[in-house]
Structure formats: C-alpha cells, structure tokens
Amino acid sequence: MSYYQHESAIVDEGAQIGEGSRVWHFVHVCGEAQIGKGVSLGQNVFVGNRVKIGDNCKIQNNVSVYDNVYLEEGVFCGPSMVFTNVYNPRSLIERKDEYKDTLVKKGASLGANCTIVCGITIGEYAFIGAGAVVNKDVPAYALMVGVPAKQIGWMSEHGEQLSLPLTGEAKALCSHTGATYILNGQTVSKEG
C-alpha cells in the first residue's frame, strides 16, 4: 500500500488511491472511486463510486463527496462543507438516473459549511466563503460569499484578495507573490 490508511477507515475493493495519500479515522471510500496522489481525507469523509479527486486535494472532516462530483488538482474542501448530486430530491422517488455533474477546477477553495448545489462548475482558484450556498457557475478566481452566493471580489492563486473591481479593465498584483492578474470584462487571468 503506497498510502496511509487508519485502521478505522473502510476502503472498498477496487478503489484507486494515489501514492502518499492519507485516509484518516472513520473514512469510507467506495470501490469505484479514483483518488490522486498526496490527497488528505479527514475524519468521517465519505467518497462515492463515481467520484474523481485530483492530486493534492484536501478534504477536511465531515465532508461527503457524492457520485458525479469531480475535483481537479489542489482543491480544498473545508470542514463540513456539502456537495449535492440531485437537484430536487425526494425520499419516495428514485432519482439515481438524474445525478447532475459538479466540477470543481484546479486550486479552488470551498469554505467550511458551504453548500455546492449540483450541476455547476467552480472555476480555477475560485474561493467560496464559509457558509455560502453556491447555485450557479463560478468564474475562475472569483470570491463568493452569502446565501445565495454573490461575487464580492477576486482572489489570487496564493489565496489573497486582489484589488480589482468586479468588472472592467484593470490589473492587480498579489502582495505575496508579485504575480500580476488582469481583469478583462468579467474575466480574470494570471499574466505569464
């Protein structure tokens, strides 16, 4: 085994877990899950069958990554944040054939206790504040807060808020790395 598994964790046969990953207390990983290298699955995490988790993701305590949720490299899922996979669930109606895909792109951070409603894409390095409820696509580098979540700014790849307006033409420097970010309309990109 090229990864660490706590004795209380359950990893079903067939699950793929990359080198150097850590599977902590009371985790359950289903048999068709695909988990990359260097991933941390905190206490009481559940990972469904039709799930892909990229390299170097951190899934904090009490997070369930349900079927049809896909995390690219370096995604941070804060404690007790929530994914869904059915838009209109009912206990008395079977809707497993109606699961909607949710994609969280490289480097995004999902704050503690936030909720990600299924069927959306969260852009690269976006930052979802604690407790936010996200029910629509989120642009790359966007800072989202509230219920329902609204964009209030832009974040650098380092995780610092950039001094950019929400729309227009502008440039800003990340104070920690010196990287330049360019706002063009309603899209931010990193220079270089």
N, C-alpha and C. Protein backbone atom coordinates (compact mmCIF):
# COMPACT_ATOMS: atom_id res chain seq x y z
N MET A 1 0.85 -1.18 0.00
CA MET A 1 0.00 0.00 0.00
C MET A 1 0.89 1.24 0.00
N SER A 2 0.67 2.13 -0.96
CA SER A 2 1.52 3.31 -1.10
C SER A 2 0.88 4.54 -0.47
N TYR A 3 -0.15 4.35 0.34
CA TYR A 3 -0.81 5.45 1.03
C TYR A 3 -1.10 5.01 2.47
N TYR A 4 -1.39 5.97 3.33
CA TYR A 4 -1.70 5.67 4.74
C TYR A 4 -3.21 5.48 4.90
N GLN A 5 -3.59 4.43 5.61
CA GLN A 5 -5.00 4.19 5.92
C GLN A 5 -5.14 3.89 7.41
N HIS A 6 -5.90 4.72 8.12
CA HIS A 6 -6.16 4.47 9.53
C HIS A 6 -6.95 3.18 9.68
N GLU A 7 -6.75 2.47 10.76
CA GLU A 7 -7.39 1.16 10.96
C GLU A 7 -8.91 1.23 11.00
N SER A 8 -9.48 2.40 11.33
CA SER A 8 -10.94 2.53 11.37
C SER A 8 -11.54 2.88 10.01
N ALA A 9 -10.72 3.19 9.02
CA ALA A 9 -11.21 3.57 7.70
C ALA A 9 -11.59 2.33 6.89
N ILE A 10 -12.58 2.51 6.02
CA ILE A 10 -13.02 1.44 5.12
C ILE A 10 -12.74 1.89 3.69
N VAL A 11 -11.91 1.12 2.99
CA VAL A 11 -11.64 1.36 1.57
C VAL A 11 -12.11 0.13 0.82
N ASP A 12 -13.20 0.27 0.06
CA ASP A 12 -13.77 -0.87 -0.64
C ASP A 12 -12.83 -1.34 -1.75
N GLU A 13 -12.89 -2.64 -2.01
CA GLU A 13 -12.06 -3.24 -3.05
C GLU A 13 -12.31 -2.56 -4.38
N GLY A 14 -11.23 -2.25 -5.08
CA GLY A 14 -11.31 -1.60 -6.39
C GLY A 14 -11.03 -0.12 -6.36
N ALA A 15 -11.13 0.51 -5.19
CA ALA A 15 -10.85 1.95 -5.10
C ALA A 15 -9.40 2.22 -5.47
N GLN A 16 -9.17 3.28 -6.22
CA GLN A 16 -7.83 3.68 -6.60
C GLN A 16 -7.42 4.89 -5.76
N ILE A 17 -6.33 4.71 -5.00
CA ILE A 17 -5.84 5.80 -4.14
C ILE A 17 -4.36 5.99 -4.43
N GLY A 18 -4.00 7.22 -4.75
CA GLY A 18 -2.64 7.53 -5.17
C GLY A 18 -1.62 7.53 -4.05
N GLU A 19 -0.37 7.46 -4.47
CA GLU A 19 0.78 7.42 -3.57
C GLU A 19 0.80 8.63 -2.64
N GLY A 20 1.10 8.37 -1.37
CA GLY A 20 1.26 9.44 -0.39
C GLY A 20 -0.03 10.02 0.13
N SER A 21 -1.17 9.48 -0.28
CA SER A 21 -2.44 9.98 0.25
C SER A 21 -2.65 9.48 1.67
N ARG A 22 -3.53 10.17 2.40
CA ARG A 22 -3.80 9.83 3.80
C ARG A 22 -5.30 9.69 3.99
N VAL A 23 -5.71 8.53 4.51
CA VAL A 23 -7.12 8.21 4.73
C VAL A 23 -7.31 8.07 6.24
N TRP A 24 -7.94 9.08 6.86
CA TRP A 24 -7.97 9.17 8.31
C TRP A 24 -9.16 8.44 8.93
N HIS A 25 -9.42 8.68 10.20
CA HIS A 25 -10.40 7.97 11.02
C HIS A 25 -11.80 7.97 10.39
N PHE A 26 -12.43 6.81 10.38
CA PHE A 26 -13.84 6.64 10.01
C PHE A 26 -14.19 7.10 8.60
N VAL A 27 -13.21 7.09 7.71
CA VAL A 27 -13.45 7.41 6.30
C VAL A 27 -14.02 6.18 5.61
N HIS A 28 -14.89 6.40 4.61
CA HIS A 28 -15.37 5.31 3.76
C HIS A 28 -15.16 5.73 2.31
N VAL A 29 -14.37 4.96 1.57
CA VAL A 29 -14.12 5.18 0.15
C VAL A 29 -14.75 4.02 -0.61
N CYS A 30 -15.69 4.34 -1.51
CA CYS A 30 -16.37 3.30 -2.30
C CYS A 30 -15.45 2.74 -3.38
N GLY A 31 -15.78 1.55 -3.87
CA GLY A 31 -14.90 0.75 -4.71
C GLY A 31 -14.55 1.30 -6.08
N GLU A 32 -15.35 2.22 -6.63
CA GLU A 32 -15.05 2.76 -7.96
C GLU A 32 -14.41 4.15 -7.90
N ALA A 33 -14.18 4.66 -6.71
CA ALA A 33 -13.60 6.00 -6.55
C ALA A 33 -12.18 6.04 -7.09
N GLN A 34 -11.82 7.20 -7.64
CA GLN A 34 -10.47 7.43 -8.14
C GLN A 34 -9.89 8.64 -7.40
N ILE A 35 -8.85 8.39 -6.61
CA ILE A 35 -8.26 9.42 -5.77
C ILE A 35 -6.78 9.55 -6.14
N GLY A 36 -6.35 10.78 -6.34
CA GLY A 36 -4.98 11.03 -6.80
C GLY A 36 -3.93 10.91 -5.71
N LYS A 37 -2.74 11.41 -6.04
CA LYS A 37 -1.58 11.36 -5.13
C LYS A 37 -1.65 12.51 -4.14
N GLY A 38 -1.13 12.26 -2.92
CA GLY A 38 -0.98 13.32 -1.94
C GLY A 38 -2.29 13.90 -1.44
N VAL A 39 -3.36 13.15 -1.49
CA VAL A 39 -4.69 13.62 -1.05
C VAL A 39 -4.85 13.33 0.43
N SER A 40 -5.49 14.24 1.15
CA SER A 40 -5.83 14.02 2.55
C SER A 40 -7.34 13.92 2.69
N LEU A 41 -7.81 12.79 3.22
CA LEU A 41 -9.24 12.59 3.51
C LEU A 41 -9.39 12.62 5.03
N GLY A 42 -9.94 13.70 5.56
CA GLY A 42 -10.06 13.89 7.00
C GLY A 42 -11.07 12.96 7.64
N GLN A 43 -11.17 13.07 8.95
CA GLN A 43 -12.06 12.20 9.72
C GLN A 43 -13.50 12.27 9.21
N ASN A 44 -14.12 11.10 9.09
CA ASN A 44 -15.54 10.97 8.74
C ASN A 44 -15.87 11.46 7.33
N VAL A 45 -14.93 11.32 6.40
CA VAL A 45 -15.18 11.67 5.00
C VAL A 45 -15.78 10.45 4.29
N PHE A 46 -16.73 10.70 3.39
CA PHE A 46 -17.31 9.67 2.53
C PHE A 46 -16.99 10.02 1.09
N VAL A 47 -16.54 9.03 0.30
CA VAL A 47 -16.25 9.23 -1.11
C VAL A 47 -17.05 8.19 -1.91
N GLY A 48 -17.94 8.66 -2.77
CA GLY A 48 -18.80 7.78 -3.55
C GLY A 48 -18.07 7.06 -4.67
N ASN A 49 -18.83 6.26 -5.42
CA ASN A 49 -18.26 5.46 -6.51
C ASN A 49 -17.85 6.32 -7.71
N ARG A 50 -18.76 7.11 -8.22
CA ARG A 50 -18.49 7.89 -9.43
C ARG A 50 -17.92 9.25 -9.03
N VAL A 51 -16.71 9.19 -8.44
CA VAL A 51 -16.03 10.38 -7.94
C VAL A 51 -14.58 10.32 -8.41
N LYS A 52 -14.06 11.47 -8.83
CA LYS A 52 -12.64 11.60 -9.13
C LYS A 52 -12.10 12.77 -8.31
N ILE A 53 -11.03 12.49 -7.58
CA ILE A 53 -10.38 13.52 -6.76
C ILE A 53 -8.93 13.63 -7.24
N GLY A 54 -8.55 14.83 -7.68
CA GLY A 54 -7.22 15.04 -8.24
C GLY A 54 -6.13 15.06 -7.19
N ASP A 55 -4.89 15.10 -7.66
CA ASP A 55 -3.72 15.13 -6.79
C ASP A 55 -3.78 16.32 -5.82
N ASN A 56 -3.25 16.09 -4.62
CA ASN A 56 -3.02 17.15 -3.63
C ASN A 56 -4.28 17.89 -3.17
N CYS A 57 -5.42 17.21 -3.23
CA CYS A 57 -6.64 17.81 -2.67
C CYS A 57 -6.66 17.58 -1.16
N LYS A 58 -7.32 18.48 -0.44
CA LYS A 58 -7.51 18.33 1.00
C LYS A 58 -9.01 18.34 1.27
N ILE A 59 -9.52 17.21 1.74
CA ILE A 59 -10.94 17.08 2.09
C ILE A 59 -11.00 17.04 3.62
N GLN A 60 -11.48 18.10 4.23
CA GLN A 60 -11.47 18.19 5.69
C GLN A 60 -12.58 17.34 6.31
N ASN A 61 -12.62 17.30 7.64
CA ASN A 61 -13.55 16.44 8.37
C ASN A 61 -15.01 16.64 7.97
N ASN A 62 -15.76 15.53 7.97
CA ASN A 62 -17.21 15.53 7.81
C ASN A 62 -17.69 16.00 6.44
N VAL A 63 -16.94 15.69 5.39
CA VAL A 63 -17.37 16.03 4.03
C VAL A 63 -17.72 14.75 3.29
N SER A 64 -18.88 14.78 2.59
CA SER A 64 -19.27 13.66 1.73
C SER A 64 -19.13 14.09 0.28
N VAL A 65 -18.30 13.36 -0.46
CA VAL A 65 -18.10 13.64 -1.89
C VAL A 65 -18.92 12.59 -2.63
N TYR A 66 -20.13 12.99 -3.03
CA TYR A 66 -21.09 12.05 -3.61
C TYR A 66 -20.81 11.78 -5.09
N ASP A 67 -21.49 10.76 -5.63
CA ASP A 67 -21.37 10.42 -7.05
C ASP A 67 -21.55 11.66 -7.92
N ASN A 68 -20.79 11.70 -9.01
CA ASN A 68 -20.84 12.75 -10.02
C ASN A 68 -20.22 14.07 -9.56
N VAL A 69 -19.38 14.01 -8.51
CA VAL A 69 -18.59 15.17 -8.10
C VAL A 69 -17.15 14.92 -8.53
N TYR A 70 -16.57 15.89 -9.21
CA TYR A 70 -15.22 15.76 -9.77
C TYR A 70 -14.37 16.94 -9.28
N LEU A 71 -13.27 16.63 -8.61
CA LEU A 71 -12.37 17.65 -8.09
C LEU A 71 -11.05 17.57 -8.84
N GLU A 72 -10.63 18.67 -9.43
CA GLU A 72 -9.34 18.70 -10.10
C GLU A 72 -8.23 18.86 -9.05
N GLU A 73 -7.02 19.01 -9.49
CA GLU A 73 -5.85 19.09 -8.61
C GLU A 73 -5.95 20.26 -7.62
N GLY A 74 -5.53 19.99 -6.38
CA GLY A 74 -5.35 21.05 -5.40
C GLY A 74 -6.60 21.71 -4.89
N VAL A 75 -7.73 21.02 -4.90
CA VAL A 75 -8.97 21.60 -4.37
C VAL A 75 -8.99 21.43 -2.85
N PHE A 76 -9.43 22.47 -2.14
CA PHE A 76 -9.58 22.45 -0.69
C PHE A 76 -11.07 22.43 -0.36
N CYS A 77 -11.51 21.40 0.39
CA CYS A 77 -12.89 21.30 0.85
C CYS A 77 -12.89 21.48 2.36
N GLY A 78 -13.40 22.60 2.84
CA GLY A 78 -13.39 22.92 4.26
C GLY A 78 -14.28 22.02 5.09
N PRO A 79 -14.09 22.04 6.41
CA PRO A 79 -14.84 21.15 7.30
C PRO A 79 -16.36 21.29 7.11
N SER A 80 -17.01 20.15 7.01
CA SER A 80 -18.47 20.05 6.97
C SER A 80 -19.12 20.76 5.80
N MET A 81 -18.36 21.05 4.72
CA MET A 81 -19.00 21.62 3.53
C MET A 81 -19.80 20.51 2.86
N VAL A 82 -20.74 20.89 1.99
CA VAL A 82 -21.72 19.94 1.45
C VAL A 82 -21.75 19.99 -0.07
N PHE A 83 -21.68 18.80 -0.68
CA PHE A 83 -21.99 18.63 -2.09
C PHE A 83 -23.37 17.99 -2.20
N THR A 84 -24.07 18.26 -3.30
CA THR A 84 -25.31 17.53 -3.60
C THR A 84 -25.14 16.91 -4.98
N ASN A 85 -26.03 15.97 -5.33
CA ASN A 85 -25.97 15.42 -6.69
C ASN A 85 -27.34 15.26 -7.34
N VAL A 86 -28.40 15.56 -6.62
CA VAL A 86 -29.75 15.58 -7.19
C VAL A 86 -30.34 16.95 -6.88
N TYR A 87 -30.91 17.59 -7.91
CA TYR A 87 -31.41 18.95 -7.74
C TYR A 87 -32.71 19.01 -6.94
N ASN A 88 -33.57 18.01 -7.13
CA ASN A 88 -34.88 18.02 -6.47
C ASN A 88 -35.16 16.68 -5.79
N PRO A 89 -34.42 16.33 -4.73
CA PRO A 89 -34.55 15.01 -4.12
C PRO A 89 -35.87 14.81 -3.39
N ARG A 90 -36.34 13.58 -3.44
CA ARG A 90 -37.50 13.12 -2.66
C ARG A 90 -37.16 11.73 -2.16
N SER A 91 -37.48 11.45 -0.93
CA SER A 91 -37.21 10.13 -0.38
C SER A 91 -38.04 9.05 -1.06
N LEU A 92 -39.25 9.39 -1.50
CA LEU A 92 -40.16 8.40 -2.07
C LEU A 92 -40.01 8.25 -3.58
N ILE A 93 -39.10 8.99 -4.20
CA ILE A 93 -38.90 8.92 -5.65
C ILE A 93 -37.44 8.64 -5.94
N GLU A 94 -37.17 7.57 -6.68
CA GLU A 94 -35.81 7.18 -7.06
C GLU A 94 -35.30 8.12 -8.15
N ARG A 95 -34.16 8.78 -7.92
CA ARG A 95 -33.62 9.73 -8.90
C ARG A 95 -32.15 9.50 -9.20
N LYS A 96 -31.67 8.25 -9.00
CA LYS A 96 -30.25 7.98 -9.24
C LYS A 96 -29.85 8.20 -10.69
N ASP A 97 -30.81 8.13 -11.61
CA ASP A 97 -30.50 8.37 -13.02
C ASP A 97 -30.53 9.87 -13.36
N GLU A 98 -30.77 10.71 -12.36
CA GLU A 98 -30.84 12.15 -12.57
C GLU A 98 -29.68 12.90 -11.91
N TYR A 99 -28.64 12.16 -11.47
CA TYR A 99 -27.50 12.84 -10.86
C TYR A 99 -26.93 13.88 -11.81
N LYS A 100 -26.59 15.03 -11.28
CA LYS A 100 -26.00 16.10 -12.08
C LYS A 100 -24.52 16.23 -11.73
N ASP A 101 -23.69 16.43 -12.74
CA ASP A 101 -22.25 16.55 -12.54
C ASP A 101 -21.91 17.89 -11.89
N THR A 102 -20.97 17.85 -10.97
CA THR A 102 -20.40 19.05 -10.36
C THR A 102 -18.89 18.98 -10.56
N LEU A 103 -18.31 20.04 -11.12
CA LEU A 103 -16.88 20.09 -11.39
C LEU A 103 -16.28 21.25 -10.60
N VAL A 104 -15.25 20.93 -9.79
CA VAL A 104 -14.50 21.96 -9.08
C VAL A 104 -13.10 21.96 -9.67
N LYS A 105 -12.73 23.08 -10.29
CA LYS A 105 -11.48 23.15 -11.03
C LYS A 105 -10.27 23.42 -10.13
N LYS A 106 -9.11 23.28 -10.72
CA LYS A 106 -7.82 23.33 -10.04
C LYS A 106 -7.70 24.50 -9.06
N GLY A 107 -7.26 24.16 -7.84
CA GLY A 107 -6.88 25.17 -6.86
C GLY A 107 -8.01 25.88 -6.15
N ALA A 108 -9.27 25.53 -6.43
CA ALA A 108 -10.39 26.21 -5.79
C ALA A 108 -10.46 25.86 -4.31
N SER A 109 -10.98 26.79 -3.50
CA SER A 109 -11.19 26.57 -2.06
C SER A 109 -12.67 26.70 -1.75
N LEU A 110 -13.20 25.70 -1.04
CA LEU A 110 -14.61 25.68 -0.65
C LEU A 110 -14.64 25.78 0.87
N GLY A 111 -15.09 26.91 1.41
CA GLY A 111 -15.01 27.19 2.83
C GLY A 111 -15.88 26.29 3.69
N ALA A 112 -15.58 26.29 4.98
CA ALA A 112 -16.31 25.47 5.96
C ALA A 112 -17.81 25.73 5.86
N ASN A 113 -18.58 24.64 5.90
CA ASN A 113 -20.05 24.69 5.93
C ASN A 113 -20.69 25.31 4.70
N CYS A 114 -19.95 25.50 3.61
CA CYS A 114 -20.61 25.99 2.40
C CYS A 114 -21.36 24.83 1.75
N THR A 115 -22.30 25.16 0.88
CA THR A 115 -23.08 24.15 0.15
C THR A 115 -22.93 24.42 -1.34
N ILE A 116 -22.60 23.36 -2.08
CA ILE A 116 -22.45 23.45 -3.53
C ILE A 116 -23.61 22.68 -4.15
N VAL A 117 -24.57 23.42 -4.73
CA VAL A 117 -25.72 22.78 -5.37
C VAL A 117 -25.24 22.13 -6.66
N CYS A 118 -25.73 20.93 -6.94
CA CYS A 118 -25.21 20.12 -8.05
C CYS A 118 -25.45 20.77 -9.42
N GLY A 119 -24.67 20.32 -10.40
CA GLY A 119 -24.84 20.72 -11.78
C GLY A 119 -24.08 21.97 -12.16
N ILE A 120 -23.11 22.39 -11.37
CA ILE A 120 -22.38 23.62 -11.66
C ILE A 120 -20.89 23.36 -11.78
N THR A 121 -20.17 24.37 -12.27
CA THR A 121 -18.72 24.34 -12.36
C THR A 121 -18.16 25.50 -11.54
N ILE A 122 -17.18 25.20 -10.72
CA ILE A 122 -16.48 26.23 -9.96
C ILE A 122 -15.11 26.39 -10.59
N GLY A 123 -14.80 27.60 -11.02
CA GLY A 123 -13.59 27.87 -11.79
C GLY A 123 -12.30 27.75 -11.00
N GLU A 124 -11.20 27.74 -11.74
CA GLU A 124 -9.86 27.62 -11.16
C GLU A 124 -9.63 28.70 -10.11
N TYR A 125 -9.10 28.29 -8.98
CA TYR A 125 -8.67 29.18 -7.89
C TYR A 125 -9.80 30.07 -7.35
N ALA A 126 -11.05 29.72 -7.64
CA ALA A 126 -12.16 30.44 -7.02
C ALA A 126 -12.13 30.19 -5.52
N PHE A 127 -12.76 31.07 -4.77
CA PHE A 127 -12.76 30.99 -3.32
C PHE A 127 -14.19 31.16 -2.83
N ILE A 128 -14.74 30.10 -2.22
CA ILE A 128 -16.11 30.13 -1.72
C ILE A 128 -16.04 30.33 -0.21
N GLY A 129 -16.63 31.42 0.29
CA GLY A 129 -16.57 31.74 1.71
C GLY A 129 -17.34 30.75 2.56
N ALA A 130 -16.99 30.70 3.84
CA ALA A 130 -17.66 29.81 4.79
C ALA A 130 -19.15 30.08 4.82
N GLY A 131 -19.94 29.01 4.77
CA GLY A 131 -21.39 29.11 4.89
C GLY A 131 -22.12 29.55 3.64
N ALA A 132 -21.42 29.83 2.55
CA ALA A 132 -22.08 30.27 1.32
C ALA A 132 -22.88 29.13 0.70
N VAL A 133 -23.90 29.48 -0.07
CA VAL A 133 -24.68 28.49 -0.83
C VAL A 133 -24.53 28.85 -2.31
N VAL A 134 -23.80 28.00 -3.04
CA VAL A 134 -23.49 28.27 -4.45
C VAL A 134 -24.45 27.49 -5.32
N ASN A 135 -25.22 28.21 -6.16
CA ASN A 135 -26.22 27.55 -7.00
C ASN A 135 -26.07 27.88 -8.48
N LYS A 136 -24.93 28.46 -8.85
CA LYS A 136 -24.65 28.73 -10.28
C LYS A 136 -23.15 28.68 -10.50
N ASP A 137 -22.75 28.61 -11.77
CA ASP A 137 -21.33 28.54 -12.11
C ASP A 137 -20.57 29.72 -11.51
N VAL A 138 -19.31 29.46 -11.16
CA VAL A 138 -18.45 30.47 -10.54
C VAL A 138 -17.24 30.68 -11.44
N PRO A 139 -16.92 31.93 -11.78
CA PRO A 139 -15.76 32.19 -12.63
C PRO A 139 -14.44 31.88 -11.92
N ALA A 140 -13.41 31.64 -12.70
CA ALA A 140 -12.06 31.46 -12.16
C ALA A 140 -11.69 32.69 -11.33
N TYR A 141 -11.03 32.47 -10.19
CA TYR A 141 -10.50 33.49 -9.29
C TYR A 141 -11.58 34.29 -8.53
N ALA A 142 -12.86 33.96 -8.70
CA ALA A 142 -13.93 34.72 -8.05
C ALA A 142 -13.98 34.45 -6.55
N LEU A 143 -14.31 35.47 -5.78
CA LEU A 143 -14.57 35.37 -4.34
C LEU A 143 -16.08 35.46 -4.14
N MET A 144 -16.66 34.38 -3.60
CA MET A 144 -18.12 34.26 -3.47
C MET A 144 -18.49 34.12 -2.00
N VAL A 145 -19.51 34.87 -1.55
CA VAL A 145 -19.99 34.76 -0.17
C VAL A 145 -21.52 34.90 -0.16
N GLY A 146 -22.13 34.42 0.93
CA GLY A 146 -23.54 34.68 1.17
C GLY A 146 -24.48 33.58 0.73
N VAL A 147 -25.78 33.84 0.97
CA VAL A 147 -26.85 32.90 0.65
C VAL A 147 -27.96 33.66 -0.07
N PRO A 148 -28.18 33.41 -1.38
CA PRO A 148 -27.29 32.63 -2.23
C PRO A 148 -25.98 33.38 -2.47
N ALA A 149 -24.96 32.64 -2.87
CA ALA A 149 -23.62 33.23 -3.02
C ALA A 149 -23.61 34.31 -4.09
N LYS A 150 -22.94 35.42 -3.76
CA LYS A 150 -22.73 36.51 -4.71
C LYS A 150 -21.24 36.80 -4.77
N GLN A 151 -20.79 37.23 -5.93
CA GLN A 151 -19.38 37.57 -6.06
C GLN A 151 -19.12 38.94 -5.46
N ILE A 152 -18.08 39.00 -4.60
CA ILE A 152 -17.72 40.29 -3.99
C ILE A 152 -16.30 40.71 -4.32
N GLY A 153 -15.58 39.88 -5.09
CA GLY A 153 -14.22 40.24 -5.44
C GLY A 153 -13.51 39.14 -6.18
N TRP A 154 -12.17 39.25 -6.22
CA TRP A 154 -11.31 38.31 -6.93
C TRP A 154 -10.18 37.89 -6.00
N MET A 155 -9.70 36.66 -6.17
CA MET A 155 -8.63 36.11 -5.33
C MET A 155 -7.44 35.70 -6.17
N SER A 156 -6.26 35.82 -5.60
CA SER A 156 -5.05 35.34 -6.27
C SER A 156 -4.90 33.83 -6.06
N GLU A 157 -4.00 33.21 -6.79
CA GLU A 157 -3.73 31.79 -6.60
C GLU A 157 -3.16 31.53 -5.22
N HIS A 158 -2.57 32.54 -4.60
CA HIS A 158 -2.00 32.42 -3.26
C HIS A 158 -3.09 32.46 -2.18
N GLY A 159 -4.30 32.92 -2.55
CA GLY A 159 -5.40 32.99 -1.59
C GLY A 159 -5.56 34.35 -0.94
N GLU A 160 -5.14 35.40 -1.63
CA GLU A 160 -5.27 36.77 -1.13
C GLU A 160 -6.22 37.54 -2.04
N GLN A 161 -7.05 38.40 -1.43
CA GLN A 161 -7.98 39.18 -2.23
C GLN A 161 -7.21 40.21 -3.07
N LEU A 162 -7.59 40.31 -4.33
CA LEU A 162 -6.96 41.25 -5.25
C LEU A 162 -7.72 42.57 -5.28
N SER A 163 -7.03 43.67 -5.49
CA SER A 163 -7.68 44.99 -5.56
C SER A 163 -8.14 45.25 -6.99
N LEU A 164 -9.17 44.50 -7.38
CA LEU A 164 -9.76 44.63 -8.72
C LEU A 164 -11.25 44.91 -8.58
N PRO A 165 -11.83 45.73 -9.47
CA PRO A 165 -13.29 45.87 -9.48
C PRO A 165 -13.92 44.57 -9.99
N LEU A 166 -15.23 44.42 -9.84
CA LEU A 166 -15.89 43.20 -10.31
C LEU A 166 -15.89 43.11 -11.83
N THR A 167 -15.99 44.25 -12.52
CA THR A 167 -15.97 44.26 -13.98
C THR A 167 -15.12 45.42 -14.47
N GLY A 168 -14.73 45.34 -15.74
CA GLY A 168 -13.96 46.42 -16.36
C GLY A 168 -12.61 45.93 -16.84
N GLU A 169 -11.68 46.88 -16.92
CA GLU A 169 -10.32 46.59 -17.36
C GLU A 169 -9.38 47.07 -16.26
N ALA A 170 -8.57 46.16 -15.73
CA ALA A 170 -7.66 46.55 -14.64
C ALA A 170 -6.59 45.49 -14.45
N LYS A 171 -5.56 45.87 -13.70
CA LYS A 171 -4.50 44.93 -13.31
C LYS A 171 -4.29 45.05 -11.80
N ALA A 172 -3.85 43.95 -11.20
CA ALA A 172 -3.52 43.98 -9.78
C ALA A 172 -2.39 43.01 -9.51
N LEU A 173 -1.60 43.32 -8.47
CA LEU A 173 -0.50 42.45 -8.05
C LEU A 173 -0.92 41.68 -6.81
N CYS A 174 -0.50 40.41 -6.73
CA CYS A 174 -0.63 39.65 -5.49
C CYS A 174 0.49 40.13 -4.57
N SER A 175 0.13 40.59 -3.38
CA SER A 175 1.13 41.16 -2.47
C SER A 175 2.13 40.12 -1.96
N HIS A 176 1.78 38.84 -2.03
CA HIS A 176 2.68 37.80 -1.52
C HIS A 176 3.63 37.25 -2.58
N THR A 177 3.16 37.16 -3.82
CA THR A 177 3.97 36.53 -4.86
C THR A 177 4.47 37.50 -5.92
N GLY A 178 3.84 38.67 -6.02
CA GLY A 178 4.20 39.62 -7.06
C GLY A 178 3.60 39.31 -8.41
N ALA A 179 2.81 38.23 -8.50
CA ALA A 179 2.17 37.87 -9.77
C ALA A 179 1.15 38.94 -10.16
N THR A 180 1.03 39.16 -11.46
CA THR A 180 0.08 40.13 -11.99
C THR A 180 -1.18 39.42 -12.47
N TYR A 181 -2.33 39.97 -12.11
CA TYR A 181 -3.63 39.46 -12.54
C TYR A 181 -4.32 40.53 -13.36
N ILE A 182 -4.95 40.10 -14.46
CA ILE A 182 -5.55 41.02 -15.41
C ILE A 182 -7.05 40.78 -15.47
N LEU A 183 -7.83 41.85 -15.24
CA LEU A 183 -9.29 41.80 -15.39
C LEU A 183 -9.63 42.31 -16.77
N ASN A 184 -10.36 41.51 -17.52
CA ASN A 184 -10.81 41.86 -18.85
C ASN A 184 -12.32 41.60 -18.91
N GLY A 185 -13.12 42.64 -18.70
CA GLY A 185 -14.57 42.47 -18.65
C GLY A 185 -14.98 41.86 -17.32
N GLN A 186 -15.39 40.59 -17.37
CA GLN A 186 -15.76 39.86 -16.15
C GLN A 186 -14.92 38.62 -15.98
N THR A 187 -13.70 38.65 -16.55
CA THR A 187 -12.80 37.50 -16.50
C THR A 187 -11.44 37.93 -15.98
N VAL A 188 -10.90 37.16 -15.04
CA VAL A 188 -9.56 37.41 -14.53
C VAL A 188 -8.63 36.29 -14.99
N SER A 189 -7.42 36.67 -15.38
CA SER A 189 -6.40 35.69 -15.72
C SER A 189 -5.08 36.14 -15.10
N LYS A 190 -4.20 35.18 -14.92
CA LYS A 190 -2.87 35.47 -14.38
C LYS A 190 -1.94 35.74 -15.55
N GLU A 191 -1.16 36.79 -15.43
CA GLU A 191 -0.24 37.14 -16.51
C GLU A 191 0.93 36.16 -16.54
N GLY A 192 1.32 35.79 -17.77
CA GLY A 192 2.50 34.97 -17.92
C GLY A 192 2.29 33.53 -17.92
